[in-house]
Amino acid sequence: MTRDDLKTFRSLEIDFDSIGLDWGGELVPYFCTPVGAEEVGSIGCDGIQFVLLPGDERVFCVDPSMGDVGTYVLPVGRDLREFLSFVLYCKDANPLSQIYFLTEERFRNFAEDEAEARESGELEELFQAKDAALAVVAETFGIAPAEPYHRVKALQAAFDPAILKFSDEYYDTLGIERP
């Protein structure tokens, strides 16, 4: 179901970049991108990607700049629809990429920061594109915004990174032994 949802998501005529899920047509792997990953989207900086893994419904965040062994790749949704409901709540995918190292208070500040930016009127075109994209996503998938912080923290706490398959580049870059 998640793969079918991904095809539907990619077919939407929205500004994916405005919600932090830009997709260029093919995955650009980083040293810590798991083997066989399929990109959902990218926030467009620091190599942060959201991916699906073979045989897994969960959406994962790949973060080559802030991660560490065991945290370069972490789940951020049980499936694509849940992940998108979190994006609706946050109004962007970026906050989801940072949950693993944020306190709840700092995570909540993202919403306040967004509200302040909207009120300033400086990025009106961006917020119009963002709102339009989010409305299409909500309608297409019949989903509503869902608060992600505790759910994502629980997913990440229960996750065993030993299931991840990495290329030789991962082990060479980190200077660690292959399993």
N, C-alpha and C. Protein backbone atom coordinates (compact mmCIF):
# COMPACT_ATOMS: atom_id res chain seq x y z
N MET A 1 0.82 -1.19 0.00
CA MET A 1 0.00 0.00 0.00
C MET A 1 0.86 1.26 0.00
N THR A 2 1.93 1.29 0.77
CA THR A 2 2.78 2.47 0.82
C THR A 2 3.39 2.76 -0.55
N ARG A 3 3.78 1.74 -1.30
CA ARG A 3 4.37 1.97 -2.63
C ARG A 3 3.32 2.55 -3.57
N ASP A 4 2.08 2.08 -3.48
CA ASP A 4 0.99 2.66 -4.28
C ASP A 4 0.75 4.11 -3.87
N ASP A 5 0.76 4.37 -2.57
CA ASP A 5 0.59 5.74 -2.08
C ASP A 5 1.73 6.63 -2.57
N LEU A 6 2.95 6.09 -2.63
CA LEU A 6 4.08 6.89 -3.11
C LEU A 6 3.88 7.26 -4.57
N LYS A 7 3.41 6.32 -5.38
CA LYS A 7 3.13 6.63 -6.79
C LYS A 7 2.08 7.74 -6.90
N THR A 8 1.04 7.64 -6.09
CA THR A 8 0.00 8.67 -6.09
C THR A 8 0.59 10.00 -5.65
N PHE A 9 1.38 9.98 -4.59
CA PHE A 9 2.00 11.20 -4.07
C PHE A 9 2.85 11.87 -5.14
N ARG A 10 3.68 11.09 -5.81
CA ARG A 10 4.57 11.65 -6.83
C ARG A 10 3.79 12.21 -8.03
N SER A 11 2.59 11.71 -8.25
CA SER A 11 1.80 12.17 -9.40
C SER A 11 1.06 13.48 -9.12
N LEU A 12 1.07 13.93 -7.87
CA LEU A 12 0.36 15.16 -7.53
C LEU A 12 1.02 16.36 -8.20
N GLU A 13 0.21 17.31 -8.60
CA GLU A 13 0.73 18.53 -9.20
C GLU A 13 0.78 19.61 -8.12
N ILE A 14 1.82 19.49 -7.29
CA ILE A 14 2.02 20.42 -6.19
C ILE A 14 3.47 20.86 -6.17
N ASP A 15 3.76 21.86 -5.37
CA ASP A 15 5.12 22.32 -5.15
C ASP A 15 5.69 21.50 -3.99
N PHE A 16 6.33 20.38 -4.32
CA PHE A 16 6.87 19.48 -3.30
C PHE A 16 7.92 20.17 -2.44
N ASP A 17 8.72 21.02 -3.05
CA ASP A 17 9.77 21.71 -2.32
C ASP A 17 9.20 22.58 -1.20
N SER A 18 8.02 23.16 -1.42
CA SER A 18 7.44 24.06 -0.42
C SER A 18 7.11 23.35 0.89
N ILE A 19 6.97 22.01 0.85
CA ILE A 19 6.67 21.25 2.06
C ILE A 19 7.85 20.37 2.48
N GLY A 20 9.01 20.65 1.92
CA GLY A 20 10.22 19.93 2.31
C GLY A 20 10.30 18.52 1.78
N LEU A 21 9.64 18.25 0.64
CA LEU A 21 9.67 16.91 0.06
C LEU A 21 9.98 16.96 -1.42
N ASP A 22 11.00 17.73 -1.77
CA ASP A 22 11.40 17.83 -3.16
C ASP A 22 11.88 16.46 -3.64
N TRP A 23 11.57 16.17 -4.87
CA TRP A 23 11.98 14.89 -5.45
C TRP A 23 12.44 15.16 -6.87
N GLY A 24 13.69 14.83 -7.15
CA GLY A 24 14.27 15.13 -8.45
C GLY A 24 14.13 14.03 -9.47
N GLY A 25 13.45 12.96 -9.17
CA GLY A 25 13.26 11.89 -10.13
C GLY A 25 14.10 10.66 -9.85
N GLU A 26 15.20 10.84 -9.15
CA GLU A 26 15.99 9.67 -8.76
C GLU A 26 16.75 9.98 -7.48
N LEU A 27 16.98 8.96 -6.72
CA LEU A 27 17.68 9.09 -5.44
C LEU A 27 19.13 9.47 -5.65
N VAL A 28 19.59 10.46 -4.91
CA VAL A 28 21.01 10.81 -4.87
C VAL A 28 21.52 10.27 -3.54
N PRO A 29 22.19 9.11 -3.57
CA PRO A 29 22.59 8.49 -2.30
C PRO A 29 23.77 9.19 -1.64
N TYR A 30 23.75 9.15 -0.32
CA TYR A 30 24.85 9.63 0.49
C TYR A 30 25.50 8.41 1.13
N PHE A 31 26.63 8.60 1.78
CA PHE A 31 27.34 7.45 2.35
C PHE A 31 26.46 6.63 3.28
N CYS A 32 25.48 7.28 3.92
CA CYS A 32 24.65 6.58 4.90
C CYS A 32 23.25 6.26 4.39
N THR A 33 23.02 6.42 3.10
CA THR A 33 21.73 6.03 2.52
C THR A 33 21.72 4.51 2.42
N PRO A 34 20.74 3.84 3.04
CA PRO A 34 20.72 2.37 2.99
C PRO A 34 20.60 1.85 1.56
N VAL A 35 21.17 0.69 1.34
CA VAL A 35 21.11 0.01 0.05
C VAL A 35 19.64 -0.26 -0.28
N GLY A 36 19.25 0.05 -1.50
CA GLY A 36 17.89 -0.22 -1.96
C GLY A 36 16.87 0.82 -1.56
N ALA A 37 17.30 1.93 -0.96
CA ALA A 37 16.37 2.97 -0.53
C ALA A 37 15.67 3.60 -1.73
N GLU A 38 14.42 3.97 -1.53
CA GLU A 38 13.62 4.66 -2.54
C GLU A 38 13.20 6.00 -1.93
N GLU A 39 13.54 7.09 -2.61
CA GLU A 39 13.30 8.40 -2.03
C GLU A 39 11.83 8.80 -2.08
N VAL A 40 11.36 9.31 -0.94
CA VAL A 40 10.05 9.94 -0.84
C VAL A 40 10.21 11.42 -1.16
N GLY A 41 11.26 12.03 -0.62
CA GLY A 41 11.54 13.44 -0.86
C GLY A 41 12.73 13.88 -0.04
N SER A 42 13.16 15.10 -0.32
CA SER A 42 14.34 15.66 0.35
C SER A 42 14.03 17.09 0.77
N ILE A 43 14.55 17.49 1.92
CA ILE A 43 14.31 18.87 2.35
C ILE A 43 15.19 19.86 1.59
N GLY A 44 16.18 19.34 0.86
CA GLY A 44 16.98 20.21 0.01
C GLY A 44 18.23 20.78 0.65
N CYS A 45 18.58 20.32 1.84
CA CYS A 45 19.84 20.77 2.43
C CYS A 45 20.42 19.68 3.31
N ASP A 46 21.71 19.73 3.47
CA ASP A 46 22.45 18.80 4.34
C ASP A 46 22.25 17.34 3.98
N GLY A 47 21.75 17.04 2.78
CA GLY A 47 21.58 15.65 2.36
C GLY A 47 20.43 14.93 3.04
N ILE A 48 19.56 15.65 3.72
CA ILE A 48 18.46 15.01 4.45
C ILE A 48 17.40 14.52 3.48
N GLN A 49 17.13 13.22 3.56
CA GLN A 49 16.18 12.56 2.68
C GLN A 49 15.19 11.75 3.51
N PHE A 50 14.01 11.57 2.94
CA PHE A 50 13.03 10.65 3.50
C PHE A 50 12.91 9.52 2.50
N VAL A 51 13.03 8.29 3.00
CA VAL A 51 13.11 7.14 2.10
C VAL A 51 12.23 5.99 2.61
N LEU A 52 11.96 5.08 1.67
CA LEU A 52 11.37 3.79 1.98
C LEU A 52 12.46 2.76 1.77
N LEU A 53 12.43 1.70 2.54
CA LEU A 53 13.41 0.63 2.40
C LEU A 53 12.72 -0.62 1.85
N PRO A 54 13.48 -1.46 1.16
CA PRO A 54 12.88 -2.67 0.59
C PRO A 54 12.17 -3.50 1.65
N GLY A 55 10.93 -3.91 1.34
CA GLY A 55 10.17 -4.78 2.22
C GLY A 55 9.70 -4.14 3.51
N ASP A 56 9.71 -2.82 3.59
CA ASP A 56 9.35 -2.11 4.81
C ASP A 56 8.36 -1.00 4.46
N GLU A 57 7.33 -0.84 5.24
CA GLU A 57 6.32 0.19 5.01
C GLU A 57 6.70 1.53 5.65
N ARG A 58 7.62 1.51 6.60
CA ARG A 58 7.97 2.72 7.33
C ARG A 58 8.69 3.73 6.44
N VAL A 59 8.52 5.00 6.78
CA VAL A 59 9.28 6.07 6.15
C VAL A 59 10.44 6.39 7.10
N PHE A 60 11.64 6.49 6.52
CA PHE A 60 12.85 6.75 7.29
C PHE A 60 13.44 8.10 6.89
N CYS A 61 14.08 8.73 7.85
CA CYS A 61 14.84 9.94 7.58
C CYS A 61 16.32 9.57 7.54
N VAL A 62 16.99 9.97 6.47
CA VAL A 62 18.44 9.81 6.33
C VAL A 62 19.05 11.18 6.56
N ASP A 63 19.94 11.28 7.54
CA ASP A 63 20.55 12.56 7.87
C ASP A 63 22.06 12.41 7.97
N PRO A 64 22.79 12.64 6.85
CA PRO A 64 24.24 12.46 6.87
C PRO A 64 25.00 13.52 7.66
N SER A 65 24.38 14.66 7.93
CA SER A 65 25.14 15.73 8.59
C SER A 65 25.01 15.71 10.11
N MET A 66 23.89 15.27 10.64
CA MET A 66 23.68 15.32 12.08
C MET A 66 23.66 13.94 12.72
N GLY A 67 23.65 12.93 11.91
CA GLY A 67 23.55 11.59 12.45
C GLY A 67 24.85 11.08 13.03
N ASP A 68 24.76 9.86 13.50
CA ASP A 68 25.90 9.15 14.06
C ASP A 68 25.58 7.67 13.86
N VAL A 69 26.52 6.81 14.11
CA VAL A 69 26.23 5.38 13.98
C VAL A 69 24.99 5.08 14.81
N GLY A 70 23.99 4.51 14.18
CA GLY A 70 22.74 4.19 14.86
C GLY A 70 21.68 5.27 14.73
N THR A 71 22.06 6.48 14.25
CA THR A 71 21.06 7.54 14.09
C THR A 71 21.08 8.20 12.71
N TYR A 72 21.94 7.75 11.82
CA TYR A 72 21.94 8.32 10.47
C TYR A 72 20.61 8.04 9.77
N VAL A 73 19.99 6.94 10.11
CA VAL A 73 18.74 6.53 9.48
C VAL A 73 17.77 6.12 10.59
N LEU A 74 16.66 6.86 10.70
CA LEU A 74 15.67 6.58 11.74
C LEU A 74 14.26 6.67 11.18
N PRO A 75 13.33 5.86 11.69
CA PRO A 75 11.95 5.93 11.21
C PRO A 75 11.26 7.22 11.66
N VAL A 76 10.41 7.74 10.77
CA VAL A 76 9.64 8.94 11.09
C VAL A 76 8.15 8.76 10.75
N GLY A 77 7.76 7.54 10.47
CA GLY A 77 6.35 7.24 10.20
C GLY A 77 6.18 5.75 9.95
N ARG A 78 5.09 5.17 10.45
CA ARG A 78 4.84 3.73 10.26
C ARG A 78 4.54 3.39 8.81
N ASP A 79 4.05 4.36 8.07
CA ASP A 79 3.79 4.21 6.65
C ASP A 79 3.70 5.60 6.04
N LEU A 80 3.53 5.66 4.73
CA LEU A 80 3.55 6.96 4.07
C LEU A 80 2.39 7.84 4.52
N ARG A 81 1.22 7.28 4.70
CA ARG A 81 0.08 8.10 5.11
C ARG A 81 0.30 8.71 6.50
N GLU A 82 0.82 7.93 7.41
CA GLU A 82 1.10 8.50 8.74
C GLU A 82 2.15 9.60 8.62
N PHE A 83 3.19 9.34 7.87
CA PHE A 83 4.24 10.35 7.66
C PHE A 83 3.64 11.63 7.08
N LEU A 84 2.79 11.50 6.08
CA LEU A 84 2.17 12.68 5.48
C LEU A 84 1.25 13.40 6.46
N SER A 85 0.60 12.66 7.34
CA SER A 85 -0.24 13.32 8.36
C SER A 85 0.64 14.13 9.32
N PHE A 86 1.86 13.66 9.57
CA PHE A 86 2.81 14.41 10.39
C PHE A 86 3.28 15.67 9.64
N VAL A 87 3.51 15.53 8.33
CA VAL A 87 3.90 16.68 7.52
C VAL A 87 2.78 17.72 7.55
N LEU A 88 1.53 17.27 7.48
CA LEU A 88 0.39 18.20 7.55
C LEU A 88 0.41 18.96 8.88
N TYR A 89 0.67 18.26 9.95
CA TYR A 89 0.71 18.89 11.27
C TYR A 89 1.82 19.94 11.35
N CYS A 90 3.00 19.57 10.86
CA CYS A 90 4.17 20.46 10.94
C CYS A 90 4.19 21.50 9.83
N LYS A 91 3.38 21.27 8.81
CA LYS A 91 3.32 22.13 7.62
C LYS A 91 4.61 22.07 6.81
N ASP A 92 5.42 21.05 7.09
CA ASP A 92 6.70 20.87 6.40
C ASP A 92 7.33 19.58 6.93
N ALA A 93 8.17 18.96 6.12
CA ALA A 93 8.85 17.74 6.56
C ALA A 93 10.07 18.02 7.43
N ASN A 94 10.63 19.21 7.34
CA ASN A 94 11.86 19.53 8.05
C ASN A 94 11.81 19.23 9.56
N PRO A 95 10.78 19.65 10.28
CA PRO A 95 10.78 19.34 11.72
C PRO A 95 10.87 17.84 12.02
N LEU A 96 10.33 17.01 11.12
CA LEU A 96 10.37 15.56 11.34
C LEU A 96 11.80 15.03 11.28
N SER A 97 12.63 15.69 10.49
CA SER A 97 14.02 15.25 10.38
C SER A 97 14.82 15.54 11.64
N GLN A 98 14.28 16.37 12.52
CA GLN A 98 15.02 16.79 13.70
C GLN A 98 14.48 16.27 15.02
N ILE A 99 13.39 15.55 14.98
CA ILE A 99 12.77 15.08 16.22
C ILE A 99 13.74 14.29 17.08
N TYR A 100 14.59 13.47 16.47
CA TYR A 100 15.44 12.58 17.27
C TYR A 100 16.36 13.34 18.22
N PHE A 101 16.71 14.58 17.91
CA PHE A 101 17.60 15.30 18.81
C PHE A 101 16.95 16.52 19.47
N LEU A 102 15.66 16.73 19.23
CA LEU A 102 14.98 17.89 19.81
C LEU A 102 14.23 17.54 21.09
N THR A 103 14.20 18.48 21.99
CA THR A 103 13.30 18.36 23.12
C THR A 103 11.90 18.66 22.61
N GLU A 104 10.91 18.29 23.38
CA GLU A 104 9.53 18.57 22.97
C GLU A 104 9.30 20.09 22.88
N GLU A 105 9.88 20.83 23.80
CA GLU A 105 9.71 22.28 23.78
C GLU A 105 10.27 22.88 22.50
N ARG A 106 11.46 22.46 22.10
CA ARG A 106 12.06 22.99 20.88
C ARG A 106 11.24 22.58 19.66
N PHE A 107 10.73 21.36 19.67
CA PHE A 107 9.88 20.91 18.56
C PHE A 107 8.64 21.81 18.46
N ARG A 108 8.04 22.12 19.58
CA ARG A 108 6.85 22.98 19.60
C ARG A 108 7.18 24.39 19.08
N ASN A 109 8.42 24.81 19.30
CA ASN A 109 8.83 26.13 18.83
C ASN A 109 8.81 26.24 17.30
N PHE A 110 8.94 25.09 16.60
CA PHE A 110 8.84 25.13 15.14
C PHE A 110 7.51 25.74 14.71
N ALA A 111 6.43 25.34 15.37
CA ALA A 111 5.10 25.86 15.03
C ALA A 111 5.03 27.37 15.29
N GLU A 112 5.61 27.78 16.40
CA GLU A 112 5.62 29.21 16.71
C GLU A 112 6.45 29.99 15.69
N ASP A 113 7.58 29.42 15.30
CA ASP A 113 8.43 30.07 14.30
C ASP A 113 7.69 30.21 12.98
N GLU A 114 6.97 29.16 12.60
CA GLU A 114 6.20 29.21 11.35
C GLU A 114 5.12 30.27 11.43
N ALA A 115 4.42 30.33 12.54
CA ALA A 115 3.35 31.33 12.71
C ALA A 115 3.91 32.75 12.61
N GLU A 116 5.05 32.99 13.23
CA GLU A 116 5.68 34.31 13.17
C GLU A 116 6.09 34.66 11.74
N ALA A 117 6.63 33.67 11.04
CA ALA A 117 7.03 33.91 9.65
C ALA A 117 5.82 34.22 8.77
N ARG A 118 4.73 33.52 9.01
CA ARG A 118 3.50 33.79 8.26
C ARG A 118 2.99 35.20 8.53
N GLU A 119 3.01 35.59 9.78
CA GLU A 119 2.52 36.92 10.17
C GLU A 119 3.36 38.04 9.57
N SER A 120 4.63 37.79 9.35
CA SER A 120 5.51 38.83 8.81
C SER A 120 5.13 39.21 7.39
N GLY A 121 4.52 38.28 6.67
CA GLY A 121 4.11 38.54 5.30
C GLY A 121 5.24 38.52 4.28
N GLU A 122 6.47 38.30 4.74
CA GLU A 122 7.63 38.33 3.85
C GLU A 122 7.68 37.15 2.88
N LEU A 123 7.17 36.02 3.27
CA LEU A 123 7.24 34.81 2.44
C LEU A 123 5.85 34.37 1.98
N GLU A 124 5.04 35.33 1.63
CA GLU A 124 3.65 35.04 1.30
C GLU A 124 3.50 34.00 0.19
N GLU A 125 4.32 34.10 -0.87
CA GLU A 125 4.22 33.14 -1.97
C GLU A 125 4.56 31.73 -1.50
N LEU A 126 5.58 31.62 -0.67
CA LEU A 126 5.95 30.31 -0.15
C LEU A 126 4.81 29.71 0.66
N PHE A 127 4.22 30.49 1.54
CA PHE A 127 3.14 29.96 2.38
C PHE A 127 1.89 29.64 1.56
N GLN A 128 1.65 30.37 0.50
CA GLN A 128 0.53 30.03 -0.39
C GLN A 128 0.79 28.69 -1.07
N ALA A 129 2.01 28.49 -1.57
CA ALA A 129 2.36 27.22 -2.22
C ALA A 129 2.30 26.08 -1.21
N LYS A 130 2.80 26.33 -0.01
CA LYS A 130 2.78 25.33 1.06
C LYS A 130 1.34 24.94 1.40
N ASP A 131 0.48 25.93 1.61
CA ASP A 131 -0.92 25.65 1.97
C ASP A 131 -1.64 24.90 0.85
N ALA A 132 -1.37 25.29 -0.39
CA ALA A 132 -2.00 24.62 -1.54
C ALA A 132 -1.54 23.16 -1.61
N ALA A 133 -0.24 22.92 -1.44
CA ALA A 133 0.29 21.56 -1.49
C ALA A 133 -0.29 20.70 -0.38
N LEU A 134 -0.31 21.24 0.83
CA LEU A 134 -0.83 20.48 1.97
C LEU A 134 -2.32 20.16 1.80
N ALA A 135 -3.08 21.09 1.24
CA ALA A 135 -4.51 20.85 1.01
C ALA A 135 -4.71 19.70 0.01
N VAL A 136 -3.91 19.67 -1.03
CA VAL A 136 -4.01 18.60 -2.03
C VAL A 136 -3.63 17.26 -1.39
N VAL A 137 -2.57 17.23 -0.61
CA VAL A 137 -2.15 16.00 0.07
C VAL A 137 -3.26 15.51 0.99
N ALA A 138 -3.82 16.38 1.81
CA ALA A 138 -4.88 15.99 2.74
C ALA A 138 -6.09 15.43 1.99
N GLU A 139 -6.48 16.10 0.92
CA GLU A 139 -7.65 15.66 0.17
C GLU A 139 -7.38 14.35 -0.58
N THR A 140 -6.24 14.26 -1.21
CA THR A 140 -5.91 13.07 -2.00
C THR A 140 -5.88 11.81 -1.14
N PHE A 141 -5.30 11.90 0.04
CA PHE A 141 -5.15 10.73 0.89
C PHE A 141 -6.21 10.62 1.98
N GLY A 142 -7.08 11.61 2.08
CA GLY A 142 -8.13 11.58 3.10
C GLY A 142 -7.55 11.53 4.50
N ILE A 143 -6.51 12.34 4.72
CA ILE A 143 -5.84 12.34 6.03
C ILE A 143 -5.94 13.72 6.66
N ALA A 144 -5.76 13.73 7.97
CA ALA A 144 -5.77 14.96 8.74
C ALA A 144 -4.42 15.11 9.44
N PRO A 145 -4.09 16.31 9.86
CA PRO A 145 -2.84 16.49 10.60
C PRO A 145 -2.83 15.64 11.88
N ALA A 146 -1.69 15.04 12.16
CA ALA A 146 -1.53 14.24 13.38
C ALA A 146 -0.26 14.70 14.09
N GLU A 147 -0.35 14.90 15.39
CA GLU A 147 0.79 15.34 16.19
C GLU A 147 1.86 14.24 16.18
N PRO A 148 3.08 14.56 15.73
CA PRO A 148 4.08 13.52 15.56
C PRO A 148 5.06 13.27 16.70
N TYR A 149 5.28 14.22 17.56
CA TYR A 149 6.45 14.16 18.44
C TYR A 149 6.56 12.83 19.20
N HIS A 150 5.57 12.49 19.99
CA HIS A 150 5.66 11.28 20.82
C HIS A 150 5.61 10.00 19.99
N ARG A 151 4.84 10.02 18.91
CA ARG A 151 4.77 8.84 18.04
C ARG A 151 6.11 8.55 17.38
N VAL A 152 6.74 9.60 16.86
CA VAL A 152 8.03 9.42 16.20
C VAL A 152 9.10 9.03 17.22
N LYS A 153 9.09 9.67 18.38
CA LYS A 153 10.05 9.29 19.43
C LYS A 153 9.91 7.81 19.80
N ALA A 154 8.66 7.33 19.89
CA ALA A 154 8.42 5.92 20.22
C ALA A 154 8.92 5.00 19.10
N LEU A 155 8.66 5.37 17.85
CA LEU A 155 9.16 4.59 16.71
C LEU A 155 10.68 4.50 16.75
N GLN A 156 11.31 5.63 17.02
CA GLN A 156 12.77 5.67 17.03
C GLN A 156 13.35 4.90 18.21
N ALA A 157 12.70 4.96 19.35
CA ALA A 157 13.19 4.23 20.54
C ALA A 157 13.10 2.73 20.33
N ALA A 158 12.11 2.27 19.59
CA ALA A 158 11.90 0.84 19.37
C ALA A 158 12.69 0.31 18.16
N PHE A 159 13.31 1.20 17.41
CA PHE A 159 13.98 0.82 16.17
C PHE A 159 15.35 0.21 16.43
N ASP A 160 15.62 -0.90 15.75
CA ASP A 160 16.92 -1.56 15.82
C ASP A 160 17.67 -1.28 14.52
N PRO A 161 18.66 -0.39 14.53
CA PRO A 161 19.37 -0.05 13.30
C PRO A 161 20.16 -1.21 12.69
N ALA A 162 20.27 -2.32 13.41
CA ALA A 162 21.00 -3.47 12.88
C ALA A 162 20.32 -4.04 11.63
N ILE A 163 19.06 -3.72 11.40
CA ILE A 163 18.37 -4.23 10.21
C ILE A 163 18.79 -3.52 8.93
N LEU A 164 19.45 -2.37 9.07
CA LEU A 164 19.82 -1.56 7.91
C LEU A 164 20.98 -2.20 7.16
N LYS A 165 20.90 -2.10 5.83
CA LYS A 165 21.97 -2.60 4.95
C LYS A 165 22.64 -1.39 4.31
N PHE A 166 23.94 -1.28 4.50
CA PHE A 166 24.69 -0.15 3.96
C PHE A 166 25.72 -0.60 2.94
N SER A 167 26.14 0.34 2.10
CA SER A 167 27.18 0.06 1.12
C SER A 167 28.55 0.05 1.80
N ASP A 168 29.54 -0.38 1.04
CA ASP A 168 30.91 -0.35 1.56
C ASP A 168 31.34 1.07 1.92
N GLU A 169 30.81 2.07 1.18
CA GLU A 169 31.16 3.46 1.44
C GLU A 169 30.83 3.87 2.88
N TYR A 170 29.73 3.36 3.41
CA TYR A 170 29.32 3.67 4.78
C TYR A 170 30.41 3.24 5.76
N TYR A 171 30.84 2.00 5.65
CA TYR A 171 31.84 1.46 6.58
C TYR A 171 33.20 2.12 6.38
N ASP A 172 33.53 2.39 5.11
CA ASP A 172 34.82 3.05 4.83
C ASP A 172 34.83 4.48 5.37
N THR A 173 33.73 5.21 5.16
CA THR A 173 33.64 6.61 5.62
C THR A 173 33.76 6.69 7.13
N LEU A 174 33.09 5.79 7.82
CA LEU A 174 33.09 5.81 9.28
C LEU A 174 34.26 5.07 9.90
N GLY A 175 34.98 4.31 9.09
CA GLY A 175 36.10 3.54 9.61
C GLY A 175 35.69 2.47 10.59
N ILE A 176 34.53 1.85 10.32
CA ILE A 176 34.06 0.78 11.20
C ILE A 176 34.01 -0.54 10.42
N GLU A 177 34.01 -1.61 11.20
CA GLU A 177 33.99 -2.95 10.59
C GLU A 177 32.63 -3.28 10.01
N ARG A 178 32.67 -4.01 8.91
CA ARG A 178 31.43 -4.50 8.32
C ARG A 178 30.92 -5.65 9.16
N PRO A 179 29.58 -5.74 9.28
CA PRO A 179 29.05 -6.85 10.10
C PRO A 179 29.29 -8.21 9.45
